[in-house]
ModelCIF file with pLDDT and N, C-alpha, C, O atoms, coordinates in Angstrom:
data_MODEL
#
_entry.id   MODEL 
#
_entity.id                         1 
_entity.type                       polymer 
_entity.pdbx_number_of_molecules   1 
#
_entity_poly.entity_id                      1 
_entity_poly.type                           'polypeptide(L)' 
_entity_poly.nstd_linkage                   no 
_entity_poly.nstd_monomer                   no 
_entity_poly.pdbx_seq_one_letter_code       LAVLDRVGLSIYQFEAAPTRSDTATAQDAGRQAELATR 
_entity_poly.pdbx_seq_one_letter_code_can   LAVLDRVGLSIYQFEAAPTRSDTATAQDAGRQAELATR 
_entity_poly.pdbx_strand_id                 A 
#
loop_
_entity_poly_seq.entity_id 
_entity_poly_seq.num 
_entity_poly_seq.mon_id 
_entity_poly_seq.hetero 
1 1  LEU n 
1 2  ALA n 
1 3  VAL n 
1 4  LEU n 
1 5  ASP n 
1 6  ARG n 
1 7  VAL n 
1 8  GLY n 
1 9  LEU n 
1 10 SER n 
1 11 ILE n 
1 12 TYR n 
1 13 GLN n 
1 14 PHE n 
1 15 GLU n 
1 16 ALA n 
1 17 ALA n 
1 18 PRO n 
1 19 THR n 
1 20 ARG n 
1 21 SER n 
1 22 ASP n 
1 23 THR n 
1 24 ALA n 
1 25 THR n 
1 26 ALA n 
1 27 GLN n 
1 28 ASP n 
1 29 ALA n 
1 30 GLY n 
1 31 ARG n 
1 32 GLN n 
1 33 ALA n 
1 34 GLU n 
1 35 LEU n 
1 36 ALA n 
1 37 THR n 
1 38 ARG n 
#
_struct_asym.id          A 
_struct_asym.entity_id   1 
#
loop_
_ma_qa_metric.id 
_ma_qa_metric.mode 
_ma_qa_metric.name 
_ma_qa_metric.software_group_id 
_ma_qa_metric.type 
1 global pLDDT . pLDDT 
2 local  pLDDT . pLDDT 
#
_ma_qa_metric_global.metric_id      1 
_ma_qa_metric_global.metric_value   72.45 
_ma_qa_metric_global.model_id       1 
_ma_qa_metric_global.ordinal_id     1 
#
loop_
_ma_qa_metric_local.label_asym_id 
_ma_qa_metric_local.label_comp_id 
_ma_qa_metric_local.label_seq_id 
_ma_qa_metric_local.metric_id 
_ma_qa_metric_local.metric_value 
_ma_qa_metric_local.model_id 
_ma_qa_metric_local.ordinal_id 
A LEU 1  2 95.00 1 1  
A ALA 2  2 95.00 1 2  
A VAL 3  2 96.00 1 3  
A LEU 4  2 95.00 1 4  
A ASP 5  2 92.00 1 5  
A ARG 6  2 87.00 1 6  
A VAL 7  2 74.00 1 7  
A GLY 8  2 84.00 1 8  
A LEU 9  2 91.00 1 9  
A SER 10 2 92.00 1 10 
A ILE 11 2 94.00 1 11 
A TYR 12 2 94.00 1 12 
A GLN 13 2 92.00 1 13 
A PHE 14 2 91.00 1 14 
A GLU 15 2 85.00 1 15 
A ALA 16 2 83.00 1 16 
A ALA 17 2 78.00 1 17 
A PRO 18 2 70.00 1 18 
A THR 19 2 57.00 1 19 
A ARG 20 2 49.00 1 20 
A SER 21 2 42.00 1 21 
A ASP 22 2 37.00 1 22 
A THR 23 2 35.00 1 23 
A ALA 24 2 39.00 1 24 
A THR 25 2 39.00 1 25 
A ALA 26 2 38.00 1 26 
A GLN 27 2 41.00 1 27 
A ASP 28 2 46.00 1 28 
A ALA 29 2 46.00 1 29 
A GLY 30 2 52.00 1 30 
A ARG 31 2 68.00 1 31 
A GLN 32 2 77.00 1 32 
A ALA 33 2 84.00 1 33 
A GLU 34 2 86.00 1 34 
A LEU 35 2 85.00 1 35 
A ALA 36 2 82.00 1 36 
A THR 37 2 82.00 1 37 
A ARG 38 2 80.00 1 38 
#
loop_
_atom_site.group_PDB 
_atom_site.id 
_atom_site.type_symbol 
_atom_site.label_atom_id 
_atom_site.label_alt_id 
_atom_site.label_comp_id 
_atom_site.label_asym_id 
_atom_site.label_entity_id 
_atom_site.label_seq_id 
_atom_site.pdbx_PDB_ins_code 
_atom_site.Cartn_x 
_atom_site.Cartn_y 
_atom_site.Cartn_z 
_atom_site.occupancy 
_atom_site.B_iso_or_equiv 
_atom_site.pdbx_formal_charge 
_atom_site.auth_seq_id 
_atom_site.auth_comp_id 
_atom_site.auth_asym_id 
_atom_site.auth_atom_id 
_atom_site.pdbx_PDB_model_num 
ATOM 1   N N  . LEU A 1 1  ? 0.633   -0.807  -0.473 1.00 95.00 ? 1  LEU A N  1 
ATOM 2   C CA . LEU A 1 1  ? 0.375   -0.408  0.055  1.00 95.00 ? 1  LEU A CA 1 
ATOM 3   C C  . LEU A 1 1  ? 0.624   1.025   -0.197 1.00 95.00 ? 1  LEU A C  1 
ATOM 4   O O  . LEU A 1 1  ? 0.705   1.595   0.890  1.00 95.00 ? 1  LEU A O  1 
ATOM 5   N N  . ALA A 1 2  ? 0.807   1.995   -1.370 1.00 95.00 ? 2  ALA A N  1 
ATOM 6   C CA . ALA A 1 2  ? 1.698   3.918   -0.429 1.00 95.00 ? 2  ALA A CA 1 
ATOM 7   C C  . ALA A 1 2  ? 0.293   4.834   -0.640 1.00 95.00 ? 2  ALA A C  1 
ATOM 8   O O  . ALA A 1 2  ? -0.789  4.822   -1.227 1.00 95.00 ? 2  ALA A O  1 
ATOM 9   N N  . VAL A 1 3  ? 0.902   5.422   0.035  1.00 96.00 ? 3  VAL A N  1 
ATOM 10  C CA . VAL A 1 3  ? -0.242  6.402   1.105  1.00 96.00 ? 3  VAL A CA 1 
ATOM 11  C C  . VAL A 1 3  ? 1.099   7.997   0.706  1.00 96.00 ? 3  VAL A C  1 
ATOM 12  O O  . VAL A 1 3  ? 2.322   8.136   0.733  1.00 96.00 ? 3  VAL A O  1 
ATOM 13  N N  . LEU A 1 4  ? -0.094  8.861   0.382  1.00 95.00 ? 4  LEU A N  1 
ATOM 14  C CA . LEU A 1 4  ? 0.529   9.642   -0.669 1.00 95.00 ? 4  LEU A CA 1 
ATOM 15  C C  . LEU A 1 4  ? -0.010  11.198  1.219  1.00 95.00 ? 4  LEU A C  1 
ATOM 16  O O  . LEU A 1 4  ? -1.078  11.047  1.812  1.00 95.00 ? 4  LEU A O  1 
ATOM 17  N N  . ASP A 1 5  ? 0.563   11.853  1.458  1.00 92.00 ? 5  ASP A N  1 
ATOM 18  C CA . ASP A 1 5  ? 0.850   13.365  2.376  1.00 92.00 ? 5  ASP A CA 1 
ATOM 19  C C  . ASP A 1 5  ? 2.039   14.367  1.196  1.00 92.00 ? 5  ASP A C  1 
ATOM 20  O O  . ASP A 1 5  ? 2.649   14.102  0.160  1.00 92.00 ? 5  ASP A O  1 
ATOM 21  N N  . ARG A 1 6  ? 1.880   15.615  2.113  1.00 87.00 ? 6  ARG A N  1 
ATOM 22  C CA . ARG A 1 6  ? 1.765   16.380  1.751  1.00 87.00 ? 6  ARG A CA 1 
ATOM 23  C C  . ARG A 1 6  ? 3.417   16.318  1.697  1.00 87.00 ? 6  ARG A C  1 
ATOM 24  O O  . ARG A 1 6  ? 4.173   16.934  0.946  1.00 87.00 ? 6  ARG A O  1 
ATOM 25  N N  . VAL A 1 7  ? 3.678   15.514  2.586  1.00 74.00 ? 7  VAL A N  1 
ATOM 26  C CA . VAL A 1 7  ? 4.803   15.475  3.092  1.00 74.00 ? 7  VAL A CA 1 
ATOM 27  C C  . VAL A 1 7  ? 5.990   14.722  2.383  1.00 74.00 ? 7  VAL A C  1 
ATOM 28  O O  . VAL A 1 7  ? 7.174   15.056  2.357  1.00 74.00 ? 7  VAL A O  1 
ATOM 29  N N  . GLY A 1 8  ? 5.279   13.435  1.715  1.00 84.00 ? 8  GLY A N  1 
ATOM 30  C CA . GLY A 1 8  ? 5.914   12.271  1.256  1.00 84.00 ? 8  GLY A CA 1 
ATOM 31  C C  . GLY A 1 8  ? 5.346   11.337  0.795  1.00 84.00 ? 8  GLY A C  1 
ATOM 32  O O  . GLY A 1 8  ? 4.281   11.568  0.223  1.00 84.00 ? 8  GLY A O  1 
ATOM 33  N N  . LEU A 1 9  ? 5.934   9.685   0.884  1.00 91.00 ? 9  LEU A N  1 
ATOM 34  C CA . LEU A 1 9  ? 4.837   8.925   -0.230 1.00 91.00 ? 9  LEU A CA 1 
ATOM 35  C C  . LEU A 1 9  ? 5.463   7.681   1.458  1.00 91.00 ? 9  LEU A C  1 
ATOM 36  O O  . LEU A 1 9  ? 6.637   7.724   1.827  1.00 91.00 ? 9  LEU A O  1 
ATOM 37  N N  . SER A 1 10 ? 4.691   7.001   1.982  1.00 92.00 ? 10 SER A N  1 
ATOM 38  C CA . SER A 1 10 ? 4.857   5.740   2.750  1.00 92.00 ? 10 SER A CA 1 
ATOM 39  C C  . SER A 1 10 ? 4.499   4.620   2.177  1.00 92.00 ? 10 SER A C  1 
ATOM 40  O O  . SER A 1 10 ? 3.453   4.628   1.528  1.00 92.00 ? 10 SER A O  1 
ATOM 41  N N  . ILE A 1 11 ? 4.883   4.020   2.229  1.00 94.00 ? 11 ILE A N  1 
ATOM 42  C CA . ILE A 1 11 ? 4.714   2.425   1.991  1.00 94.00 ? 11 ILE A CA 1 
ATOM 43  C C  . ILE A 1 11 ? 4.808   1.323   2.814  1.00 94.00 ? 11 ILE A C  1 
ATOM 44  O O  . ILE A 1 11 ? 5.752   0.907   3.486  1.00 94.00 ? 11 ILE A O  1 
ATOM 45  N N  . TYR A 1 12 ? 3.396   0.809   2.618  1.00 94.00 ? 12 TYR A N  1 
ATOM 46  C CA . TYR A 1 12 ? 3.137   -0.284  4.055  1.00 94.00 ? 12 TYR A CA 1 
ATOM 47  C C  . TYR A 1 12 ? 3.450   -1.257  3.336  1.00 94.00 ? 12 TYR A C  1 
ATOM 48  O O  . TYR A 1 12 ? 3.462   -1.293  2.105  1.00 94.00 ? 12 TYR A O  1 
ATOM 49  N N  . GLN A 1 13 ? 3.803   -2.363  4.327  1.00 92.00 ? 13 GLN A N  1 
ATOM 50  C CA . GLN A 1 13 ? 2.966   -4.113  3.809  1.00 92.00 ? 13 GLN A CA 1 
ATOM 51  C C  . GLN A 1 13 ? 2.320   -5.006  5.118  1.00 92.00 ? 13 GLN A C  1 
ATOM 52  O O  . GLN A 1 13 ? 2.902   -5.174  6.189  1.00 92.00 ? 13 GLN A O  1 
ATOM 53  N N  . PHE A 1 14 ? 1.619   -5.280  4.932  1.00 91.00 ? 14 PHE A N  1 
ATOM 54  C CA . PHE A 1 14 ? 0.783   -6.186  6.352  1.00 91.00 ? 14 PHE A CA 1 
ATOM 55  C C  . PHE A 1 14 ? 1.031   -7.420  6.694  1.00 91.00 ? 14 PHE A C  1 
ATOM 56  O O  . PHE A 1 14 ? 1.815   -8.089  6.022  1.00 91.00 ? 14 PHE A O  1 
ATOM 57  N N  . GLU A 1 15 ? 0.402   -7.933  7.801  1.00 85.00 ? 15 GLU A N  1 
ATOM 58  C CA . GLU A 1 15 ? 1.204   -8.776  7.757  1.00 85.00 ? 15 GLU A CA 1 
ATOM 59  C C  . GLU A 1 15 ? 0.087   -10.165 6.995  1.00 85.00 ? 15 GLU A C  1 
ATOM 60  O O  . GLU A 1 15 ? -0.879  -9.526  6.577  1.00 85.00 ? 15 GLU A O  1 
ATOM 61  N N  . ALA A 1 16 ? -0.147  -11.579 6.688  1.00 83.00 ? 16 ALA A N  1 
ATOM 62  C CA . ALA A 1 16 ? -1.072  -12.081 6.259  1.00 83.00 ? 16 ALA A CA 1 
ATOM 63  C C  . ALA A 1 16 ? -1.938  -12.081 7.318  1.00 83.00 ? 16 ALA A C  1 
ATOM 64  O O  . ALA A 1 16 ? -1.736  -11.607 8.436  1.00 83.00 ? 16 ALA A O  1 
ATOM 65  N N  . ALA A 1 17 ? -3.519  -12.984 6.649  1.00 78.00 ? 17 ALA A N  1 
ATOM 66  C CA . ALA A 1 17 ? -4.836  -12.601 7.124  1.00 78.00 ? 17 ALA A CA 1 
ATOM 67  C C  . ALA A 1 17 ? -4.573  -14.498 8.084  1.00 78.00 ? 17 ALA A C  1 
ATOM 68  O O  . ALA A 1 17 ? -3.888  -15.411 7.622  1.00 78.00 ? 17 ALA A O  1 
ATOM 69  N N  . PRO A 1 18 ? -5.227  -14.532 9.192  1.00 70.00 ? 18 PRO A N  1 
ATOM 70  C CA . PRO A 1 18 ? -5.401  -14.888 10.221 1.00 70.00 ? 18 PRO A CA 1 
ATOM 71  C C  . PRO A 1 18 ? -5.379  -16.384 9.474  1.00 70.00 ? 18 PRO A C  1 
ATOM 72  O O  . PRO A 1 18 ? -5.228  -16.063 8.296  1.00 70.00 ? 18 PRO A O  1 
ATOM 73  N N  . THR A 1 19 ? -5.440  -17.691 9.513  1.00 57.00 ? 19 THR A N  1 
ATOM 74  C CA . THR A 1 19 ? -5.859  -18.386 9.408  1.00 57.00 ? 19 THR A CA 1 
ATOM 75  C C  . THR A 1 19 ? -7.662  -18.544 10.114 1.00 57.00 ? 19 THR A C  1 
ATOM 76  O O  . THR A 1 19 ? -8.110  -18.390 11.250 1.00 57.00 ? 19 THR A O  1 
ATOM 77  N N  . ARG A 1 20 ? -8.327  -18.932 8.733  1.00 49.00 ? 20 ARG A N  1 
ATOM 78  C CA . ARG A 1 20 ? -9.888  -18.702 9.131  1.00 49.00 ? 20 ARG A CA 1 
ATOM 79  C C  . ARG A 1 20 ? -10.445 -20.439 9.298  1.00 49.00 ? 20 ARG A C  1 
ATOM 80  O O  . ARG A 1 20 ? -9.848  -21.448 8.924  1.00 49.00 ? 20 ARG A O  1 
ATOM 81  N N  . SER A 1 21 ? -11.415 -20.362 9.799  1.00 42.00 ? 21 SER A N  1 
ATOM 82  C CA . SER A 1 21 ? -12.667 -21.284 9.578  1.00 42.00 ? 21 SER A CA 1 
ATOM 83  C C  . SER A 1 21 ? -13.490 -21.457 9.380  1.00 42.00 ? 21 SER A C  1 
ATOM 84  O O  . SER A 1 21 ? -14.359 -20.780 9.930  1.00 42.00 ? 21 SER A O  1 
ATOM 85  N N  . ASP A 1 22 ? -13.931 -22.671 8.284  1.00 37.00 ? 22 ASP A N  1 
ATOM 86  C CA . ASP A 1 22 ? -14.502 -22.822 7.311  1.00 37.00 ? 22 ASP A CA 1 
ATOM 87  C C  . ASP A 1 22 ? -15.727 -21.511 7.513  1.00 37.00 ? 22 ASP A C  1 
ATOM 88  O O  . ASP A 1 22 ? -15.946 -20.494 6.855  1.00 37.00 ? 22 ASP A O  1 
ATOM 89  N N  . THR A 1 23 ? -16.143 -21.890 8.315  1.00 35.00 ? 23 THR A N  1 
ATOM 90  C CA . THR A 1 23 ? -17.214 -20.834 8.747  1.00 35.00 ? 23 THR A CA 1 
ATOM 91  C C  . THR A 1 23 ? -17.116 -19.213 9.264  1.00 35.00 ? 23 THR A C  1 
ATOM 92  O O  . THR A 1 23 ? -18.076 -18.523 9.608  1.00 35.00 ? 23 THR A O  1 
ATOM 93  N N  . ALA A 1 24 ? -15.651 -18.791 9.220  1.00 39.00 ? 24 ALA A N  1 
ATOM 94  C CA . ALA A 1 24 ? -15.454 -17.579 9.787  1.00 39.00 ? 24 ALA A CA 1 
ATOM 95  C C  . ALA A 1 24 ? -15.530 -16.598 8.485  1.00 39.00 ? 24 ALA A C  1 
ATOM 96  O O  . ALA A 1 24 ? -15.173 -16.685 7.310  1.00 39.00 ? 24 ALA A O  1 
ATOM 97  N N  . THR A 1 25 ? -16.161 -15.644 9.274  1.00 39.00 ? 25 THR A N  1 
ATOM 98  C CA . THR A 1 25 ? -17.723 -14.468 8.053  1.00 39.00 ? 25 THR A CA 1 
ATOM 99  C C  . THR A 1 25 ? -16.331 -13.707 8.457  1.00 39.00 ? 25 THR A C  1 
ATOM 100 O O  . THR A 1 25 ? -15.430 -13.813 7.625  1.00 39.00 ? 25 THR A O  1 
ATOM 101 N N  . ALA A 1 26 ? -16.054 -12.955 9.633  1.00 38.00 ? 26 ALA A N  1 
ATOM 102 C CA . ALA A 1 26 ? -14.852 -11.289 9.674  1.00 38.00 ? 26 ALA A CA 1 
ATOM 103 C C  . ALA A 1 26 ? -13.559 -11.715 9.719  1.00 38.00 ? 26 ALA A C  1 
ATOM 104 O O  . ALA A 1 26 ? -13.282 -12.907 9.855  1.00 38.00 ? 26 ALA A O  1 
ATOM 105 N N  . GLN A 1 27 ? -12.676 -10.787 9.611  1.00 41.00 ? 27 GLN A N  1 
ATOM 106 C CA . GLN A 1 27 ? -11.205 -10.552 10.594 1.00 41.00 ? 27 GLN A CA 1 
ATOM 107 C C  . GLN A 1 27 ? -11.370 -11.543 11.933 1.00 41.00 ? 27 GLN A C  1 
ATOM 108 O O  . GLN A 1 27 ? -12.239 -12.071 12.627 1.00 41.00 ? 27 GLN A O  1 
ATOM 109 N N  . ASP A 1 28 ? -10.815 -11.495 11.882 1.00 46.00 ? 28 ASP A N  1 
ATOM 110 C CA . ASP A 1 28 ? -10.061 -12.074 13.258 1.00 46.00 ? 28 ASP A CA 1 
ATOM 111 C C  . ASP A 1 28 ? -9.225  -10.771 13.925 1.00 46.00 ? 28 ASP A C  1 
ATOM 112 O O  . ASP A 1 28 ? -9.683  -9.677  13.594 1.00 46.00 ? 28 ASP A O  1 
ATOM 113 N N  . ALA A 1 29 ? -8.376  -10.755 14.577 1.00 46.00 ? 29 ALA A N  1 
ATOM 114 C CA . ALA A 1 29 ? -7.824  -9.317  14.769 1.00 46.00 ? 29 ALA A CA 1 
ATOM 115 C C  . ALA A 1 29 ? -7.252  -8.930  14.460 1.00 46.00 ? 29 ALA A C  1 
ATOM 116 O O  . ALA A 1 29 ? -6.161  -9.492  14.361 1.00 46.00 ? 29 ALA A O  1 
ATOM 117 N N  . GLY A 1 30 ? -7.482  -7.121  13.846 1.00 52.00 ? 30 GLY A N  1 
ATOM 118 C CA . GLY A 1 30 ? -6.410  -6.748  12.738 1.00 52.00 ? 30 GLY A CA 1 
ATOM 119 C C  . GLY A 1 30 ? -5.484  -7.129  12.542 1.00 52.00 ? 30 GLY A C  1 
ATOM 120 O O  . GLY A 1 30 ? -4.713  -7.520  13.419 1.00 52.00 ? 30 GLY A O  1 
ATOM 121 N N  . ARG A 1 31 ? -5.191  -7.146  10.976 1.00 68.00 ? 31 ARG A N  1 
ATOM 122 C CA . ARG A 1 31 ? -3.781  -7.100  10.173 1.00 68.00 ? 31 ARG A CA 1 
ATOM 123 C C  . ARG A 1 31 ? -2.660  -5.936  11.581 1.00 68.00 ? 31 ARG A C  1 
ATOM 124 O O  . ARG A 1 31 ? -3.044  -4.991  12.271 1.00 68.00 ? 31 ARG A O  1 
ATOM 125 N N  . GLN A 1 32 ? -1.619  -6.433  11.513 1.00 77.00 ? 32 GLN A N  1 
ATOM 126 C CA . GLN A 1 32 ? -1.042  -5.360  11.707 1.00 77.00 ? 32 GLN A CA 1 
ATOM 127 C C  . GLN A 1 32 ? -0.221  -4.779  10.699 1.00 77.00 ? 32 GLN A C  1 
ATOM 128 O O  . GLN A 1 32 ? 0.283   -5.284  9.696  1.00 77.00 ? 32 GLN A O  1 
ATOM 129 N N  . ALA A 1 33 ? -0.186  -3.737  11.111 1.00 84.00 ? 33 ALA A N  1 
ATOM 130 C CA . ALA A 1 33 ? 1.265   -2.490  8.980  1.00 84.00 ? 33 ALA A CA 1 
ATOM 131 C C  . ALA A 1 33 ? 2.431   -3.022  9.861  1.00 84.00 ? 33 ALA A C  1 
ATOM 132 O O  . ALA A 1 33 ? 2.670   -3.391  11.011 1.00 84.00 ? 33 ALA A O  1 
ATOM 133 N N  . GLU A 1 34 ? 2.841   -2.896  9.010  1.00 86.00 ? 34 GLU A N  1 
ATOM 134 C CA . GLU A 1 34 ? 4.643   -2.044  9.153  1.00 86.00 ? 34 GLU A CA 1 
ATOM 135 C C  . GLU A 1 34 ? 5.318   -1.487  8.346  1.00 86.00 ? 34 GLU A C  1 
ATOM 136 O O  . GLU A 1 34 ? 6.155   -2.036  7.631  1.00 86.00 ? 34 GLU A O  1 
ATOM 137 N N  . LEU A 1 35 ? 5.012   -0.214  8.359  1.00 85.00 ? 35 LEU A N  1 
ATOM 138 C CA . LEU A 1 35 ? 6.160   0.511   7.361  1.00 85.00 ? 35 LEU A CA 1 
ATOM 139 C C  . LEU A 1 35 ? 6.912   0.918   6.575  1.00 85.00 ? 35 LEU A C  1 
ATOM 140 O O  . LEU A 1 35 ? 7.646   1.901   6.674  1.00 85.00 ? 35 LEU A O  1 
ATOM 141 N N  . ALA A 1 36 ? 6.768   0.020   5.511  1.00 82.00 ? 36 ALA A N  1 
ATOM 142 C CA . ALA A 1 36 ? 8.606   -0.490  4.973  1.00 82.00 ? 36 ALA A CA 1 
ATOM 143 C C  . ALA A 1 36 ? 9.593   0.239   4.922  1.00 82.00 ? 36 ALA A C  1 
ATOM 144 O O  . ALA A 1 36 ? 10.776  0.141   5.249  1.00 82.00 ? 36 ALA A O  1 
ATOM 145 N N  . THR A 1 37 ? 8.600   1.408   4.214  1.00 82.00 ? 37 THR A N  1 
ATOM 146 C CA . THR A 1 37 ? 9.334   2.653   3.874  1.00 82.00 ? 37 THR A CA 1 
ATOM 147 C C  . THR A 1 37 ? 9.069   4.075   3.976  1.00 82.00 ? 37 THR A C  1 
ATOM 148 O O  . THR A 1 37 ? 7.852   4.251   3.927  1.00 82.00 ? 37 THR A O  1 
ATOM 149 N N  . ARG A 1 38 ? 9.728   5.190   4.100  1.00 80.00 ? 38 ARG A N  1 
ATOM 150 C CA . ARG A 1 38 ? 8.806   6.142   3.835  1.00 80.00 ? 38 ARG A CA 1 
ATOM 151 C C  . ARG A 1 38 ? 9.775   6.585   2.866  1.00 80.00 ? 38 ARG A C  1 
ATOM 152 O O  . ARG A 1 38 ? 9.539   7.566   2.161  1.00 80.00 ? 38 ARG A O  1 
#
């Protein structure tokens, strides 16, 4: 994910999704976003 602001450009990568059960209908805990570079 690339995000722009008036100062610069940030690139984020995210953790992989947690393992789902076959009946899962929503995400578990929120993914962690890591600032890969700015």
